C-alpha atoms as a PDB file:
ATOM      1  CA  UNK A   1      50.665 116.210  67.252  1.00  0.00           C
ATOM      2  CA  UNK A   2      52.849 117.138  64.314  1.00  0.00           C
ATOM      3  CA  UNK A   3      51.467 116.400  60.643  1.00  0.00           C
ATOM      4  CA  UNK A   4      51.892 112.897  59.426  1.00  0.00           C
ATOM      5  CA  UNK A   5      54.529 112.434  56.604  1.00  0.00           C
ATOM      6  CA  UNK A   6      52.588 111.394  53.556  1.00  0.00           C
ATOM      7  CA  UNK A   7      53.618 109.961  50.251  1.00  0.00           C
ATOM      8  CA  UNK A   8      51.040 109.899  47.259  1.00  0.00           C
ATOM      9  CA  UNK A   9      51.527 107.179  44.717  1.00  0.00           C
ATOM     10  CA  UNK A  10      49.310 107.368  41.530  1.00  0.00           C
ATOM     11  CA  UNK A  11      50.322 106.974  37.959  1.00  0.00           C
ATOM     12  CA  UNK A  12      47.968 109.824  36.810  1.00  0.00           C
ATOM     13  CA  UNK A  13      49.655 113.207  37.233  1.00  0.00           C
ATOM     14  CA  UNK A  14      46.300 115.039  37.461  1.00  0.00           C
ATOM     15  CA  UNK A  15      45.178 112.732  40.197  1.00  0.00           C
ATOM     16  CA  UNK A  16      48.276 113.257  42.301  1.00  0.00           C
ATOM     17  CA  UNK A  17      48.088 117.002  41.808  1.00  0.00           C
ATOM     18  CA  UNK A  18      44.439 117.131  42.684  1.00  0.00           C
ATOM     19  CA  UNK A  19      44.895 114.978  45.851  1.00  0.00           C
ATOM     20  CA  UNK A  20      47.869 117.068  47.126  1.00  0.00           C
ATOM     21  CA  UNK A  21      45.756 120.341  46.617  1.00  0.00           C
ATOM     22  CA  UNK A  22      42.757 118.700  48.362  1.00  0.00           C
ATOM     23  CA  UNK A  23      45.188 117.819  51.345  1.00  0.00           C
ATOM     24  CA  UNK A  24      46.610 121.168  51.617  1.00  0.00           C
ATOM     25  CA  UNK A  25      42.984 122.733  51.807  1.00  0.00           C
ATOM     26  CA  UNK A  26      41.200 120.385  53.870  1.00  0.00           C
ATOM     27  CA  UNK A  27      43.609 117.747  55.859  1.00  0.00           C
ATOM     28  CA  UNK A  28      46.424 119.873  57.767  1.00  0.00           C
ATOM     29  CA  UNK A  29      47.114 116.667  59.729  1.00  0.00           C
ATOM     30  CA  UNK A  30      48.967 115.294  56.703  1.00  0.00           C
ATOM     31  CA  UNK A  31      52.215 116.739  55.437  1.00  0.00           C
ATOM     32  CA  UNK A  32      52.885 115.563  51.818  1.00  0.00           C
ATOM     33  CA  UNK A  33      56.539 114.851  51.438  1.00  0.00           C
ATOM     34  CA  UNK A  34      56.441 113.402  47.930  1.00  0.00           C
ATOM     35  CA  UNK A  35      54.331 112.301  44.971  1.00  0.00           C
ATOM     36  CA  UNK A  36      55.262 109.650  42.401  1.00  0.00           C
ATOM     37  CA  UNK A  37      53.640 107.814  39.591  1.00  0.00           C
ATOM     38  CA  UNK A  38      55.557 104.538  39.810  1.00  0.00           C
ATOM     39  CA  UNK A  39      56.254 101.873  42.454  1.00  0.00           C
ATOM     40  CA  UNK A  40      60.085 101.902  41.732  1.00  0.00           C
ATOM     41  CA  UNK A  41      60.276 105.621  42.397  1.00  0.00           C
ATOM     42  CA  UNK A  42      57.976 105.237  45.458  1.00  0.00           C
ATOM     43  CA  UNK A  43      60.507 102.793  46.959  1.00  0.00           C
ATOM     44  CA  UNK A  44      63.245 105.278  46.597  1.00  0.00           C
ATOM     45  CA  UNK A  45      61.295 108.184  48.099  1.00  0.00           C
ATOM     46  CA  UNK A  46      60.198 105.967  51.064  1.00  0.00           C
ATOM     47  CA  UNK A  47      63.887 105.144  51.644  1.00  0.00           C
ATOM     48  CA  UNK A  48      64.841 108.731  51.682  1.00  0.00           C
ATOM     49  CA  UNK A  49      61.775 110.588  53.295  1.00  0.00           C
ATOM     50  CA  UNK A  50      60.384 107.693  55.589  1.00  0.00           C
ATOM     51  CA  UNK A  51      56.722 108.610  55.315  1.00  0.00           C
ATOM     52  CA  UNK A  52      54.333 107.340  57.782  1.00  0.00           C
ATOM     53  CA  UNK A  53      51.309 107.420  55.414  1.00  0.00           C
ATOM     54  CA  UNK A  54      50.943 105.987  51.883  1.00  0.00           C
ATOM     55  CA  UNK A  55      48.026 107.128  49.685  1.00  0.00           C
ATOM     56  CA  UNK A  56      48.235 104.509  47.199  1.00  0.00           C
ATOM     57  CA  UNK A  57      46.437 103.998  43.840  1.00  0.00           C
ATOM     58  CA  UNK A  58      45.799 100.377  42.721  1.00  0.00           C
ATOM     59  CA  UNK A  59      45.778 100.208  38.967  1.00  0.00           C
ATOM     60  CA  UNK A  60      49.138 101.335  37.789  1.00  0.00           C
ATOM     61  CA  UNK A  61      51.256 100.076  34.788  1.00  0.00           C
ATOM     62  CA  UNK A  62      54.011  97.623  35.624  1.00  0.00           C
ATOM     63  CA  UNK A  63      53.806  97.123  39.333  1.00  0.00           C
ATOM     64  CA  UNK A  64      50.351  97.924  40.815  1.00  0.00           C
ATOM     65  CA  UNK A  65      49.505  99.196  44.272  1.00  0.00           C
ATOM     66  CA  UNK A  66      49.320  95.719  45.741  1.00  0.00           C
ATOM     67  CA  UNK A  67      52.629  94.694  44.181  1.00  0.00           C
ATOM     68  CA  UNK A  68      54.180  97.804  45.759  1.00  0.00           C
ATOM     69  CA  UNK A  69      52.722  97.008  49.095  1.00  0.00           C
ATOM     70  CA  UNK A  70      53.976  93.433  49.019  1.00  0.00           C
ATOM     71  CA  UNK A  71      57.559  94.621  48.295  1.00  0.00           C
ATOM     72  CA  UNK A  72      57.420  96.870  51.448  1.00  0.00           C
ATOM     73  CA  UNK A  73      56.733  94.014  54.032  1.00  0.00           C
ATOM     74  CA  UNK A  74      58.288  94.793  57.355  1.00  0.00           C
ATOM     75  CA  UNK A  75      58.024  98.678  56.934  1.00  0.00           C
ATOM     76  CA  UNK A  76      55.462 100.459  59.217  1.00  0.00           C
ATOM     77  CA  UNK A  77      53.407 102.386  56.686  1.00  0.00           C
ATOM     78  CA  UNK A  78      49.656 103.245  57.292  1.00  0.00           C
ATOM     79  CA  UNK A  79      47.984 102.645  53.894  1.00  0.00           C
ATOM     80  CA  UNK A  80      44.967 104.287  52.481  1.00  0.00           C
ATOM     81  CA  UNK A  81      43.955 103.093  48.919  1.00  0.00           C
ATOM     82  CA  UNK A  82      42.807 105.871  46.582  1.00  0.00           C
ATOM     83  CA  UNK A  83      41.190 104.389  43.442  1.00  0.00           C
ATOM     84  CA  UNK A  84      38.434 104.400  41.038  1.00  0.00           C
ATOM     85  CA  UNK A  85      38.055 100.688  41.126  1.00  0.00           C
ATOM     86  CA  UNK A  86      35.962  99.740  44.054  1.00  0.00           C
ATOM     87  CA  UNK A  87      35.926  96.044  43.190  1.00  0.00           C
ATOM     88  CA  UNK A  88      39.267  95.871  45.128  1.00  0.00           C
ATOM     89  CA  UNK A  89      37.969  96.944  48.371  1.00  0.00           C
ATOM     90  CA  UNK A  90      37.996  93.588  49.996  1.00  0.00           C
ATOM     91  CA  UNK A  91      41.519  92.895  48.957  1.00  0.00           C
ATOM     92  CA  UNK A  92      42.711  96.280  50.225  1.00  0.00           C
ATOM     93  CA  UNK A  93      41.367  95.685  53.553  1.00  0.00           C
ATOM     94  CA  UNK A  94      42.852  92.118  53.743  1.00  0.00           C
ATOM     95  CA  UNK A  95      46.232  94.091  53.101  1.00  0.00           C
ATOM     96  CA  UNK A  96      45.355  95.926  56.477  1.00  0.00           C
ATOM     97  CA  UNK A  97      44.611  99.056  54.833  1.00  0.00           C
ATOM     98  CA  UNK A  98      43.397 101.898  57.170  1.00  0.00           C
ATOM     99  CA  UNK A  99      40.792 102.955  54.725  1.00  0.00           C
ATOM    100  CA  UNK A 100      39.731 102.929  50.946  1.00  0.00           C
ATOM    101  CA  UNK A 101      38.770 106.043  49.237  1.00  0.00           C
ATOM    102  CA  UNK A 102      36.924 106.099  45.778  1.00  0.00           C
ATOM    103  CA  UNK A 103      37.891 108.799  43.098  1.00  0.00           C
ATOM    104  CA  UNK A 104      36.452 111.359  42.804  1.00  0.00           C
ATOM    105  CA  UNK A 105      37.420 111.903  46.449  1.00  0.00           C
ATOM    106  CA  UNK A 106      34.686 113.355  48.686  1.00  0.00           C
ATOM    107  CA  UNK A 107      35.891 115.606  51.302  1.00  0.00           C
ATOM    108  CA  UNK A 108      33.898 113.805  54.098  1.00  0.00           C
ATOM    109  CA  UNK A 109      35.559 110.589  53.066  1.00  0.00           C
ATOM    110  CA  UNK A 110      38.929 112.153  53.344  1.00  0.00           C
ATOM    111  CA  UNK A 111      38.199 113.424  56.716  1.00  0.00           C
ATOM    112  CA  UNK A 112      37.113 110.051  57.877  1.00  0.00           C
ATOM    113  CA  UNK A 113      40.260 108.286  56.634  1.00  0.00           C
ATOM    114  CA  UNK A 114      42.392 111.195  58.338  1.00  0.00           C
ATOM    115  CA  UNK A 115      40.752 110.605  61.674  1.00  0.00           C
ATOM    116  CA  UNK A 116      41.682 106.886  61.435  1.00  0.00           C
ATOM    117  CA  UNK A 117      45.245 107.871  60.739  1.00  0.00           C
ATOM    118  CA  UNK A 118      45.693 110.279  63.442  1.00  0.00           C
ATOM    119  CA  UNK A 119      43.986 107.891  65.913  1.00  0.00           C
ATOM    120  CA  UNK A 120      46.469 105.181  64.804  1.00  0.00           C
ATOM    121  CA  UNK A 121      49.639 107.225  65.250  1.00  0.00           C
ATOM    122  CA  UNK A 122      48.487 109.103  68.366  1.00  0.00           C
ATOM    123  CA  UNK A 123      47.642 106.499  70.896  1.00  0.00           C
ATOM    124  CA  UNK A 124      50.199 104.928  73.166  1.00  0.00           C
ATOM    125  CA  UNK A 125      48.816 101.568  72.675  1.00  0.00           C
ATOM    126  CA  UNK A 126      48.950 101.767  68.820  1.00  0.00           C
ATOM    127  CA  UNK A 127      52.562 103.189  69.154  1.00  0.00           C
ATOM    128  CA  UNK A 128      53.625 100.194  71.422  1.00  0.00           C
ATOM    129  CA  UNK A 129      52.042  97.589  69.260  1.00  0.00           C
ATOM    130  CA  UNK A 130      53.653  98.997  66.131  1.00  0.00           C
ATOM    131  CA  UNK A 131      57.017  98.869  67.848  1.00  0.00           C
ATOM    132  CA  UNK A 132      56.509  95.260  69.020  1.00  0.00           C
ATOM    133  CA  UNK A 133      55.737  94.424  65.423  1.00  0.00           C
ATOM    134  CA  UNK A 134      58.726  96.124  64.104  1.00  0.00           C
ATOM    135  CA  UNK A 135      61.059  94.461  66.590  1.00  0.00           C
ATOM    136  CA  UNK A 136      59.757  91.146  65.677  1.00  0.00           C
ATOM    137  CA  UNK A 137      60.119  91.758  61.959  1.00  0.00           C
ATOM    138  CA  UNK A 138      63.510  93.414  62.065  1.00  0.00           C
ATOM    139  CA  UNK A 139      65.396  91.525  64.545  1.00  0.00           C
ATOM    140  CA  UNK A 140      66.308  94.459  66.810  1.00  0.00           C
ATOM    141  CA  UNK A 141      65.024  94.763  70.330  1.00  0.00           C
ATOM    142  CA  UNK A 142      64.799  97.725  72.690  1.00  0.00           C
ATOM    143  CA  UNK A 143      64.920  96.488  76.227  1.00  0.00           C
ATOM    144  CA  UNK A 144      64.684  97.859  79.692  1.00  0.00           C
ATOM    145  CA  UNK A 145      66.889 100.536  80.962  1.00  0.00           C
ATOM    146  CA  UNK A 146      66.976 102.330  77.550  1.00  0.00           C
ATOM    147  CA  UNK A 147      69.204  99.654  75.958  1.00  0.00           C
ATOM    148  CA  UNK A 148      69.182  98.193  72.468  1.00  0.00           C
ATOM    149  CA  UNK A 149      70.421  94.750  71.371  1.00  0.00           C
ATOM    150  CA  UNK A 150      72.073  95.032  67.926  1.00  0.00           C
ATOM    151  CA  UNK A 151      72.729  92.114  65.609  1.00  0.00           C
ATOM    152  CA  UNK A 152      76.293  92.044  64.451  1.00  0.00           C
ATOM    153  CA  UNK A 153      78.357  89.628  62.204  1.00  0.00           C
ATOM    154  CA  UNK A 154      79.550  87.834  65.503  1.00  0.00           C
ATOM    155  CA  UNK A 155      76.384  88.029  67.577  1.00  0.00           C
ATOM    156  CA  UNK A 156      74.538  90.568  69.562  1.00  0.00           C
ATOM    157  CA  UNK A 157      75.889  93.863  70.936  1.00  0.00           C
ATOM    158  CA  UNK A 158      74.087  95.601  73.955  1.00  0.00           C
ATOM    159  CA  UNK A 159      74.301  99.385  73.946  1.00  0.00           C
ATOM    160  CA  UNK A 160      72.632 102.198  75.975  1.00  0.00           C
ATOM    161  CA  UNK A 161      70.590 104.299  73.370  1.00  0.00           C
ATOM    162  CA  UNK A 162      71.790 107.323  74.881  1.00  0.00           C
ATOM    163  CA  UNK A 163      75.369 106.441  74.062  1.00  0.00           C
ATOM    164  CA  UNK A 164      74.689 106.394  70.312  1.00  0.00           C
ATOM    165  CA  UNK A 165      75.960 109.668  68.562  1.00  0.00           C
ATOM    166  CA  UNK A 166      74.965 108.764  65.089  1.00  0.00           C
ATOM    167  CA  UNK A 167      74.620 105.832  62.640  1.00  0.00           C
ATOM    168  CA  UNK A 168      75.986 105.637  59.111  1.00  0.00           C
ATOM    169  CA  UNK A 169      74.777 103.444  56.305  1.00  0.00           C
ATOM    170  CA  UNK A 170      77.484 101.166  54.855  1.00  0.00           C
ATOM    171  CA  UNK A 171      76.045  99.323  51.920  1.00  0.00           C
ATOM    172  CA  UNK A 172      73.480  97.029  53.536  1.00  0.00           C
ATOM    173  CA  UNK A 173      75.221  97.296  56.824  1.00  0.00           C
ATOM    174  CA  UNK A 174      75.234 100.145  59.595  1.00  0.00           C
ATOM    175  CA  UNK A 175      78.177 101.746  61.519  1.00  0.00           C
ATOM    176  CA  UNK A 176      77.239 102.806  64.909  1.00  0.00           C
ATOM    177  CA  UNK A 177      79.209 105.499  66.422  1.00  0.00           C
ATOM    178  CA  UNK A 178      79.140 105.849  70.140  1.00  0.00           C
ATOM    179  CA  UNK A 179      80.132 108.642  72.697  1.00  0.00           C
ATOM    180  CA  UNK A 180      83.293 106.711  73.765  1.00  0.00           C
ATOM    181  CA  UNK A 181      84.888 107.146  70.429  1.00  0.00           C
ATOM    182  CA  UNK A 182      84.160 103.527  69.347  1.00  0.00           C
ATOM    183  CA  UNK A 183      82.274 102.406  66.324  1.00  0.00           C
ATOM    184  CA  UNK A 184      80.453  99.129  65.648  1.00  0.00           C
ATOM    185  CA  UNK A 185      79.409  97.348  62.482  1.00  0.00           C
ATOM    186  CA  UNK A 186      75.771  95.933  62.494  1.00  0.00           C
ATOM    187  CA  UNK A 187      74.469  93.439  60.004  1.00  0.00           C
ATOM    188  CA  UNK A 188      71.210  95.375  59.744  1.00  0.00           C
ATOM    189  CA  UNK A 189      70.645  98.249  57.327  1.00  0.00           C
ATOM    190  CA  UNK A 190      70.136 101.757  58.585  1.00  0.00           C
ATOM    191  CA  UNK A 191      66.318 101.837  57.804  1.00  0.00           C
ATOM    192  CA  UNK A 192      65.996  99.001  60.457  1.00  0.00           C
ATOM    193  CA  UNK A 193      67.390 101.411  63.112  1.00  0.00           C
ATOM    194  CA  UNK A 194      65.277 104.296  61.862  1.00  0.00           C
ATOM    195  CA  UNK A 195      62.172 102.126  62.115  1.00  0.00           C
ATOM    196  CA  UNK A 196      62.860 101.058  65.818  1.00  0.00           C
ATOM    197  CA  UNK A 197      64.366 104.186  67.455  1.00  0.00           C
ATOM    198  CA  UNK A 198      62.446 106.796  68.903  1.00  0.00           C
ATOM    199  CA  UNK A 199      61.834 109.485  66.063  1.00  0.00           C
ATOM    200  CA  UNK A 200      61.810 112.260  68.728  1.00  0.00           C
ATOM    201  CA  UNK A 201      65.529 111.221  69.565  1.00  0.00           C
ATOM    202  CA  UNK A 202      66.809 110.036  66.175  1.00  0.00           C
ATOM    203  CA  UNK A 203      66.478 111.823  62.905  1.00  0.00           C
ATOM    204  CA  UNK A 204      67.259 110.660  59.403  1.00  0.00           C
ATOM    205  CA  UNK A 205      68.973 113.849  58.157  1.00  0.00           C
ATOM    206  CA  UNK A 206      70.556 112.224  55.038  1.00  0.00           C
ATOM    207  CA  UNK A 207      70.232 109.064  52.957  1.00  0.00           C
ATOM    208  CA  UNK A 208      73.182 107.709  54.843  1.00  0.00           C
ATOM    209  CA  UNK A 209      72.911 109.233  58.360  1.00  0.00           C
ATOM    210  CA  UNK A 210      70.692 108.892  61.328  1.00  0.00           C
ATOM    211  CA  UNK A 211      71.649 111.070  64.227  1.00  0.00           C
ATOM    212  CA  UNK A 212      70.942 111.359  67.925  1.00  0.00           C
ATOM    213  CA  UNK A 213      69.427 114.932  68.122  1.00  0.00           C
ATOM    214  CA  UNK A 214      68.221 114.649  71.611  1.00  0.00           C
ATOM    215  CA  UNK A 215      71.558 113.507  73.385  1.00  0.00           C
ATOM    216  CA  UNK A 216      74.360 114.510  71.039  1.00  0.00           C
ATOM    217  CA  UNK A 217      73.608 117.378  68.498  1.00  0.00           C
ATOM    218  CA  UNK A 218      75.529 120.236  69.574  1.00  0.00           C
ATOM    219  CA  UNK A 219      75.334 122.812  66.549  1.00  0.00           C
ATOM    220  CA  UNK A 220      74.242 123.448  63.070  1.00  0.00           C
ATOM    221  CA  UNK A 221      76.902 124.933  60.926  1.00  0.00           C
ATOM    222  CA  UNK A 222      76.507 126.320  57.380  1.00  0.00           C
ATOM    223  CA  UNK A 223      80.187 127.481  56.801  1.00  0.00           C
ATOM    224  CA  UNK A 224      81.284 124.054  55.140  1.00  0.00           C
ATOM    225  CA  UNK A 225      77.852 123.153  53.954  1.00  0.00           C
ATOM    226  CA  UNK A 226      74.720 122.179  55.943  1.00  0.00           C
ATOM    227  CA  UNK A 227      76.296 120.309  58.696  1.00  0.00           C
ATOM    228  CA  UNK A 228      75.042 118.908  62.090  1.00  0.00           C
ATOM    229  CA  UNK A 229      77.896 119.123  64.578  1.00  0.00           C
ATOM    230  CA  UNK A 230      77.758 116.214  67.101  1.00  0.00           C
ATOM    231  CA  UNK A 231      79.186 115.917  70.602  1.00  0.00           C
ATOM    232  CA  UNK A 232      82.091 113.852  69.337  1.00  0.00           C
ATOM    233  CA  UNK A 233      83.068 116.626  66.921  1.00  0.00           C
ATOM    234  CA  UNK A 234      81.855 114.781  63.877  1.00  0.00           C
ATOM    235  CA  UNK A 235      80.208 116.932  61.178  1.00  0.00           C
ATOM    236  CA  UNK A 236      77.260 115.067  59.520  1.00  0.00           C
ATOM    237  CA  UNK A 237      75.832 116.543  56.207  1.00  0.00           C
ATOM    238  CA  UNK A 238      72.038 117.429  56.276  1.00  0.00           C
ATOM    239  CA  UNK A 239      70.372 116.699  53.042  1.00  0.00           C
ATOM    240  CA  UNK A 240      68.902 119.701  51.211  1.00  0.00           C
ATOM    241  CA  UNK A 241      65.415 118.100  51.191  1.00  0.00           C
ATOM    242  CA  UNK A 242      65.658 117.220  54.941  1.00  0.00           C
ATOM    243  CA  UNK A 243      66.534 120.896  55.946  1.00  0.00           C
ATOM    244  CA  UNK A 244      62.944 121.956  56.651  1.00  0.00           C
ATOM    245  CA  UNK A 245      62.037 119.063  58.936  1.00  0.00           C
ATOM    246  CA  UNK A 246      65.606 119.338  60.620  1.00  0.00           C
ATOM    247  CA  UNK A 247      65.362 122.950  61.357  1.00  0.00           C
ATOM    248  CA  UNK A 248      61.750 122.608  62.515  1.00  0.00           C
ATOM    249  CA  UNK A 249      62.748 119.921  64.919  1.00  0.00           C
ATOM    250  CA  UNK A 250      65.688 121.623  66.456  1.00  0.00           C
ATOM    251  CA  UNK A 251      63.834 125.046  66.695  1.00  0.00           C
ATOM    252  CA  UNK A 252      61.406 123.113  68.927  1.00  0.00           C
ATOM    253  CA  UNK A 253      63.861 121.977  71.629  1.00  0.00           C
END
């Protein structure tokens, strides 16, 4: 199993840095994709890096950890609270937190939390349940025979997932490009599709693009910038911060 993409949110710089170092030394199951000290920046990082795990402080100026979590409803994040305030433990677990770590962090406690995270993300039962929750919350459904029903302004569109070449964000809508040269406008945003589609097949390589790497990626080209060349000839930009994940994924094909 690959390391779980992890975001650290804590308003104290030393606390963020210390936790990142502890993870690097003692928790290879986690891959820290970002750190931040505010809820506002956390939302921006989440939209761009799509972490699976949120290591979240509670007491922060402005929006606290619970406020941030409330603003992320409908997103599939495994949350571990990391705080010096143990009086919030009950509320944390009512928010469906995976675990609750008290500062200063004990290595054994971190290992316990990581085991819970790995178990949740590695079992087929957990994966299926998470997908059902996502589908209900997001209004997109993956059906039999590898098809997907997509909400549009006029109703529902049925497509085979393998026909989708890539998706492009268009404000709060999404353009879906298929291998027959057509494109369709969905009323759902691109994050909805990123949450519901198989991450082994579809990769968010840019803030505005989600591509089908399994069926339609044909080439990676650097001559005109970092570009993913798709089966329909489209050249889709790969964001600089997405390059390590992108190259790692295609090298494992």
